[in-house]
Amino acid sequence: MVVVFLLFIHATADLLLMLFGGILVAILFHKVAHWLHRRTRINEKLALAVAVLLPLLLVGLGAWAIAPDVGDQIGKLSERLPR
């Protein structure tokens, strides 16, 4: 029985880690939304939307800001690599 359980854990380890990570992220978003709801008195669902969308917006803006530099570096790297 223990061997079957260990084989099951080994086979589903990636899935279980992703599930655990998703739960942790959901808890984080919920806590941030609850804090926003208490501080600003906005609807809790709206606070959750802000808590989820604001970090995504910031990451997107950051990627947009550094994209030209990364593109230039990739171009320079491709010129220097041997063929």
Protein backbone atom coordinates (compact mmCIF):
# COMPACT_ATOMS: atom_id res chain seq x y z
CA MET A 1 0.00 0.00 0.00
CA VAL A 2 2.83 2.40 0.85
CA VAL A 3 4.59 1.56 -2.42
CA VAL A 4 1.44 2.36 -4.41
CA PHE A 5 1.08 5.66 -2.57
CA LEU A 6 4.72 6.58 -3.25
CA LEU A 7 4.34 5.68 -6.93
CA PHE A 8 1.23 7.86 -7.10
CA ILE A 9 3.05 10.80 -5.51
CA HIS A 10 5.99 10.33 -7.86
CA ALA A 11 3.75 10.20 -10.93
CA THR A 12 1.72 13.27 -9.96
CA ALA A 13 4.42 15.38 -8.29
CA ASP A 14 4.36 18.14 -10.96
CA LEU A 15 0.60 18.38 -10.81
CA LEU A 16 0.56 18.47 -7.03
CA LEU A 17 3.22 21.20 -6.94
CA MET A 18 1.26 23.30 -9.44
CA LEU A 19 -1.90 22.79 -7.41
CA PHE A 20 -0.14 23.83 -4.21
CA GLY A 21 1.35 26.90 -5.91
CA GLY A 22 -2.06 27.87 -7.26
CA ILE A 23 -3.57 27.60 -3.80
CA LEU A 24 -0.82 29.83 -2.38
CA VAL A 25 -1.36 32.45 -5.10
CA ALA A 26 -5.13 32.36 -4.52
CA ILE A 27 -4.61 32.90 -0.80
CA LEU A 28 -2.31 35.84 -1.54
CA PHE A 29 -4.84 37.44 -3.90
CA HIS A 30 -7.63 36.92 -1.37
CA LYS A 31 -5.63 38.54 1.44
CA VAL A 32 -4.73 41.54 -0.75
CA ALA A 33 -8.36 41.90 -1.86
CA HIS A 34 -9.57 41.71 1.74
CA TRP A 35 -7.07 44.39 2.77
CA LEU A 36 -8.22 46.62 -0.12
CA HIS A 37 -11.85 46.04 0.84
CA ARG A 38 -11.23 47.04 4.46
CA ARG A 39 -9.12 50.12 3.60
CA THR A 40 -11.14 51.54 0.71
CA ARG A 41 -14.63 50.15 1.35
CA ILE A 42 -14.94 49.02 -2.26
CA ASN A 43 -16.86 45.89 -3.18
CA GLU A 44 -14.90 42.74 -2.33
CA LYS A 45 -15.26 41.35 -5.86
CA LEU A 46 -13.93 44.60 -7.31
CA ALA A 47 -11.07 44.51 -4.81
CA LEU A 48 -10.24 40.97 -5.95
CA ALA A 49 -10.24 42.10 -9.58
CA VAL A 50 -7.86 44.94 -8.71
CA ALA A 51 -5.64 42.59 -6.68
CA VAL A 52 -5.33 40.23 -9.66
CA LEU A 53 -5.16 42.71 -12.53
CA LEU A 54 -2.81 45.29 -11.04
CA PRO A 55 0.21 42.94 -10.76
CA LEU A 56 -0.50 41.64 -14.28
CA LEU A 57 -0.62 45.20 -15.56
CA LEU A 58 2.66 46.07 -13.83
CA VAL A 59 4.42 43.00 -15.24
CA GLY A 60 3.07 43.79 -18.71
CA LEU A 61 4.24 47.40 -18.51
CA GLY A 62 7.65 46.27 -17.30
CA ALA A 63 7.98 43.80 -20.17
CA TRP A 64 6.88 46.48 -22.62
CA ALA A 65 9.45 48.91 -21.20
CA ILE A 66 12.41 46.54 -21.51
CA ALA A 67 11.40 44.84 -24.78
CA PRO A 68 13.43 47.17 -27.05
CA ASP A 69 16.61 46.64 -25.03
CA VAL A 70 16.14 42.88 -24.98
CA GLY A 71 15.52 42.89 -28.72
CA ASP A 72 18.72 44.84 -29.34
CA GLN A 73 20.71 42.47 -27.15
CA ILE A 74 19.30 39.43 -28.95
CA GLY A 75 20.23 40.99 -32.29
CA LYS A 76 23.77 41.68 -31.14
CA LEU A 77 24.10 38.19 -29.70
CA SER A 78 22.91 36.58 -32.94
CA GLU A 79 25.54 38.58 -34.87
CA ARG A 80 28.34 37.44 -32.55
CA LEU A 81 27.45 33.74 -32.43
CA PRO A 82 29.38 31.53 -34.83
CA ARG A 83 27.43 30.02 -37.67
